[in-house]
Amino acid sequence: MSLLQDEDRKQVQQIFAGLSNPVKLVMFTQEFECRFCTQTRELVEEVDSLSDTITAEVYNLALDKEKSKEYGIEKIPAVAVVGDKDYGIRFYGIPSGYEFSSFLESIMNVSAQDSGLSETTSSFLASLKAPLHMQVFVTPTCPYCPRAVSLAHKMALESDLVTADMVEATEFPQLAIKYRVQGVPRTVVNETMHFEGALPEGRLVAELKKKLAAA
């Protein structure tokens, strides 16, 4: 059964018609699939079927240990959006609801190999001396979350020192508790920095600069 409506499939196909470079969707699941693993796998395979530029690869987290290690995957369902290299763009949990838009945007940006970030943001990211790991906690019903996810993923696309995860809070309640997620989006950076809401690009960069300087 298709997860996308016919009209949605047509719209996605039109969007994907502009893809320029190949994109690989690397998905991790397991034999006894988790609650949303089946739907995530089906969604990834359906998106794959909508463009010859997209290729889906599905691996077993436990059995395909080398692949799990290669992509640094420790929880499922997980999808890495990979282009000419692995940019560190991850989706943990099914990218459904409002998050389907951030999933499509990440695919398009990776294919274009262009983050679209401002020169100020690009300069800041070029000045980084240590890795930044961004975890953006979301729910599928949050209309503001895709903006936060997209910005984090664009930063990962721009800098080899940035990795960015979408984390669906209700699918990973233990992480939501650990990081005290009481509302979404909530962005956790390097375990120590926290940002509430979908901050505009300039403000997020300003806050990161301030907190990194104080660290």
Protein backbone atom coordinates (compact mmCIF):
# COMPACT_ATOMS: atom_id res chain seq x y z
CA MET A 1 0.00 0.00 0.00
CA SER A 2 1.30 3.45 -0.94
CA LEU A 3 1.92 5.81 1.97
CA LEU A 4 1.60 8.82 -0.32
CA GLN A 5 -1.59 9.96 -1.99
CA ASP A 6 -1.58 10.04 -5.79
CA GLU A 7 -1.53 13.83 -5.85
CA ASP A 8 1.38 13.90 -3.39
CA ARG A 9 3.30 11.40 -5.51
CA LYS A 10 2.85 13.60 -8.58
CA GLN A 11 4.03 16.69 -6.70
CA VAL A 12 7.09 14.90 -5.36
CA GLN A 13 7.94 13.60 -8.83
CA GLN A 14 7.76 17.16 -10.15
CA ILE A 15 10.05 18.35 -7.37
CA PHE A 16 12.52 15.54 -8.00
CA ALA A 17 12.60 16.30 -11.73
CA GLY A 18 15.04 19.06 -10.85
CA LEU A 19 17.52 16.84 -9.00
CA SER A 20 21.00 17.19 -10.44
CA ASN A 21 23.28 14.77 -8.59
CA PRO A 22 22.60 11.27 -7.19
CA VAL A 23 21.28 10.88 -3.64
CA LYS A 24 21.39 7.72 -1.59
CA LEU A 25 18.91 7.04 1.23
CA VAL A 26 20.61 4.63 3.62
CA MET A 27 18.05 3.18 6.02
CA PHE A 28 18.65 1.02 9.09
CA THR A 29 16.08 -1.32 10.61
CA GLN A 30 16.15 -4.84 12.06
CA GLU A 31 14.53 -8.23 11.46
CA PHE A 32 11.97 -7.77 14.21
CA GLU A 33 11.20 -4.23 13.24
CA CYS A 34 10.53 -1.46 15.72
CA ARG A 35 7.16 0.26 15.94
CA PHE A 36 7.73 2.63 13.01
CA CYS A 37 10.47 0.76 11.15
CA THR A 38 8.12 -0.83 8.63
CA GLN A 39 6.47 2.47 7.72
CA THR A 40 9.84 4.23 7.51
CA ARG A 41 11.24 1.55 5.20
CA GLU A 42 8.12 1.71 3.01
CA LEU A 43 8.34 5.50 2.83
CA VAL A 44 12.03 5.39 1.88
CA GLU A 45 11.38 2.80 -0.83
CA GLU A 46 8.43 4.78 -2.16
CA VAL A 47 10.47 7.99 -2.34
CA ASP A 48 13.19 5.99 -4.11
CA SER A 49 10.67 4.87 -6.73
CA LEU A 50 9.83 8.48 -7.63
CA SER A 51 13.21 9.38 -9.12
CA ASP A 52 16.01 7.60 -10.95
CA THR A 53 18.41 9.99 -9.20
CA ILE A 54 17.57 8.47 -5.80
CA THR A 55 18.73 5.08 -4.58
CA ALA A 56 17.58 3.37 -1.40
CA GLU A 57 19.71 0.96 0.61
CA VAL A 58 18.22 -0.90 3.58
CA TYR A 59 20.40 -2.50 6.24
CA ASN A 60 19.86 -4.49 9.41
CA LEU A 61 21.24 -2.62 12.42
CA ALA A 62 22.36 -5.80 14.19
CA LEU A 63 23.45 -7.95 11.25
CA ASP A 64 25.08 -5.32 9.05
CA LYS A 65 27.46 -4.18 11.76
CA GLU A 66 30.09 -2.74 9.43
CA LYS A 67 27.50 -0.51 7.76
CA SER A 68 26.05 0.51 11.11
CA LYS A 69 29.54 1.44 12.28
CA GLU A 70 30.34 3.24 9.03
CA TYR A 71 27.34 5.52 9.41
CA GLY A 72 27.48 5.72 13.21
CA ILE A 73 23.95 4.37 13.61
CA GLU A 74 22.96 3.08 17.04
CA LYS A 75 19.16 3.46 17.03
CA ILE A 76 16.35 2.78 14.60
CA PRO A 77 14.57 3.63 12.45
CA ALA A 78 17.35 5.71 10.94
CA VAL A 79 17.87 7.25 7.52
CA ALA A 80 21.08 8.86 6.30
CA VAL A 81 20.77 11.20 3.32
CA VAL A 82 24.02 10.78 1.40
CA GLY A 83 25.31 12.51 -1.72
CA ASP A 84 28.81 12.53 -3.19
CA LYS A 85 29.84 11.92 0.43
CA ASP A 86 28.21 11.42 3.81
CA TYR A 87 27.39 14.89 5.11
CA GLY A 88 26.17 13.67 8.50
CA ILE A 89 22.49 14.30 7.75
CA ARG A 90 20.27 11.90 9.71
CA PHE A 91 16.59 11.25 10.34
CA TYR A 92 15.83 9.18 13.45
CA GLY A 93 12.18 8.20 13.36
CA ILE A 94 9.79 8.31 10.45
CA PRO A 95 9.90 11.66 8.59
CA SER A 96 6.14 11.92 8.29
CA GLY A 97 3.64 14.72 8.78
CA TYR A 98 5.32 18.11 8.65
CA GLU A 99 8.73 16.42 8.69
CA PHE A 100 8.17 14.96 5.24
CA SER A 101 8.89 18.45 3.90
CA SER A 102 12.27 18.58 5.66
CA PHE A 103 13.03 15.11 4.30
CA LEU A 104 12.37 16.28 0.74
CA GLU A 105 14.34 19.49 1.30
CA SER A 106 17.37 17.58 2.58
CA ILE A 107 17.28 15.33 -0.48
CA MET A 108 17.13 18.36 -2.79
CA ASN A 109 19.91 20.23 -1.00
CA VAL A 110 22.19 17.20 -0.97
CA SER A 111 21.53 16.64 -4.68
CA ALA A 112 22.31 20.29 -5.42
CA GLN A 113 25.35 20.16 -3.12
CA ASP A 114 24.34 23.62 -1.95
CA SER A 115 23.28 24.57 1.57
CA GLY A 116 21.89 27.96 0.56
CA LEU A 117 23.19 29.45 3.82
CA SER A 118 24.29 33.07 4.10
CA GLU A 119 27.92 34.12 3.78
CA THR A 120 27.93 35.00 7.48
CA THR A 121 26.81 31.51 8.45
CA SER A 122 29.23 29.88 6.01
CA SER A 123 32.10 31.93 7.47
CA PHE A 124 31.13 30.93 10.99
CA LEU A 125 31.01 27.26 10.06
CA ALA A 126 34.38 27.53 8.27
CA SER A 127 35.87 28.90 11.50
CA LEU A 128 34.86 25.89 13.60
CA LYS A 129 37.74 24.09 15.27
CA ALA A 130 35.80 21.25 16.90
CA PRO A 131 32.80 19.07 15.92
CA LEU A 132 29.21 20.18 16.47
CA HIS A 133 26.55 17.53 16.89
CA MET A 134 23.05 18.96 16.54
CA GLN A 135 19.99 16.96 17.62
CA VAL A 136 16.67 18.55 16.72
CA PHE A 137 13.76 17.00 18.61
CA VAL A 138 10.46 17.13 16.73
CA THR A 139 7.00 15.64 16.41
CA PRO A 140 5.19 15.05 13.10
CA THR A 141 2.40 17.47 14.08
CA CYS A 142 4.71 20.43 14.82
CA PRO A 143 4.51 23.01 11.99
CA TYR A 144 7.61 24.89 13.19
CA CYS A 145 9.92 21.90 13.51
CA PRO A 146 10.88 21.52 9.82
CA ARG A 147 12.53 24.96 9.86
CA ALA A 148 14.80 23.91 12.72
CA VAL A 149 15.58 20.55 11.12
CA SER A 150 16.30 22.08 7.74
CA LEU A 151 18.67 24.67 9.19
CA ALA A 152 20.61 22.04 11.13
CA HIS A 153 20.86 19.81 8.06
CA LYS A 154 22.03 22.73 5.92
CA MET A 155 24.80 23.38 8.44
CA ALA A 156 25.85 19.73 8.22
CA LEU A 157 25.88 20.01 4.43
CA GLU A 158 28.06 23.12 4.66
CA SER A 159 30.62 21.88 7.20
CA ASP A 160 32.41 18.57 7.69
CA LEU A 161 32.55 19.35 11.42
CA VAL A 162 28.75 19.46 11.79
CA THR A 163 26.45 16.44 12.05
CA ALA A 164 22.72 16.98 12.37
CA ASP A 165 19.93 14.65 13.46
CA MET A 166 16.19 14.93 13.32
CA VAL A 167 14.95 12.96 16.35
CA GLU A 168 11.25 12.15 16.57
CA ALA A 169 10.63 12.68 20.27
CA THR A 170 7.72 10.26 20.71
CA GLU A 171 9.67 7.42 19.06
CA PHE A 172 12.69 7.96 21.31
CA PRO A 173 11.14 8.85 24.69
CA GLN A 174 14.30 7.93 26.57
CA LEU A 175 16.20 10.64 24.68
CA ALA A 176 13.37 13.12 25.15
CA ILE A 177 13.59 12.51 28.90
CA LYS A 178 17.40 12.70 28.92
CA TYR A 179 17.41 16.07 27.15
CA ARG A 180 14.34 17.40 29.01
CA VAL A 181 12.27 17.90 25.90
CA GLN A 182 9.05 19.55 27.05
CA GLY A 183 8.25 21.30 23.79
CA VAL A 184 9.38 21.08 20.19
CA PRO A 185 11.44 21.95 18.32
CA ARG A 186 14.26 21.68 20.85
CA THR A 187 17.82 21.64 19.52
CA VAL A 188 20.58 20.07 21.57
CA VAL A 189 24.16 20.84 20.55
CA ASN A 190 27.09 18.81 21.90
CA GLU A 191 25.06 17.71 24.92
CA THR A 192 25.59 21.07 26.64
CA MET A 193 23.80 23.70 24.55
CA HIS A 194 20.03 23.89 24.19
CA PHE A 195 17.84 26.07 21.98
CA GLU A 196 14.07 26.29 22.14
CA GLY A 197 11.97 26.94 19.07
CA ALA A 198 12.82 27.38 15.41
CA LEU A 199 15.43 30.12 15.64
CA PRO A 200 16.13 32.18 12.51
CA GLU A 201 19.50 31.44 10.89
CA GLY A 202 21.20 34.65 12.06
CA ARG A 203 20.01 34.29 15.64
CA LEU A 204 21.06 30.62 15.87
CA VAL A 205 24.56 31.50 14.62
CA ALA A 206 24.79 34.39 17.10
CA GLU A 207 23.74 32.11 19.97
CA LEU A 208 26.19 29.41 18.91
CA LYS A 209 29.03 31.93 18.73
CA LYS A 210 28.20 33.23 22.19
CA LYS A 211 27.95 29.82 23.81
CA LEU A 212 31.04 28.43 22.09
CA ALA A 213 33.03 31.47 23.22
CA ALA A 214 31.89 30.90 26.80
CA ALA A 215 32.65 27.18 26.75
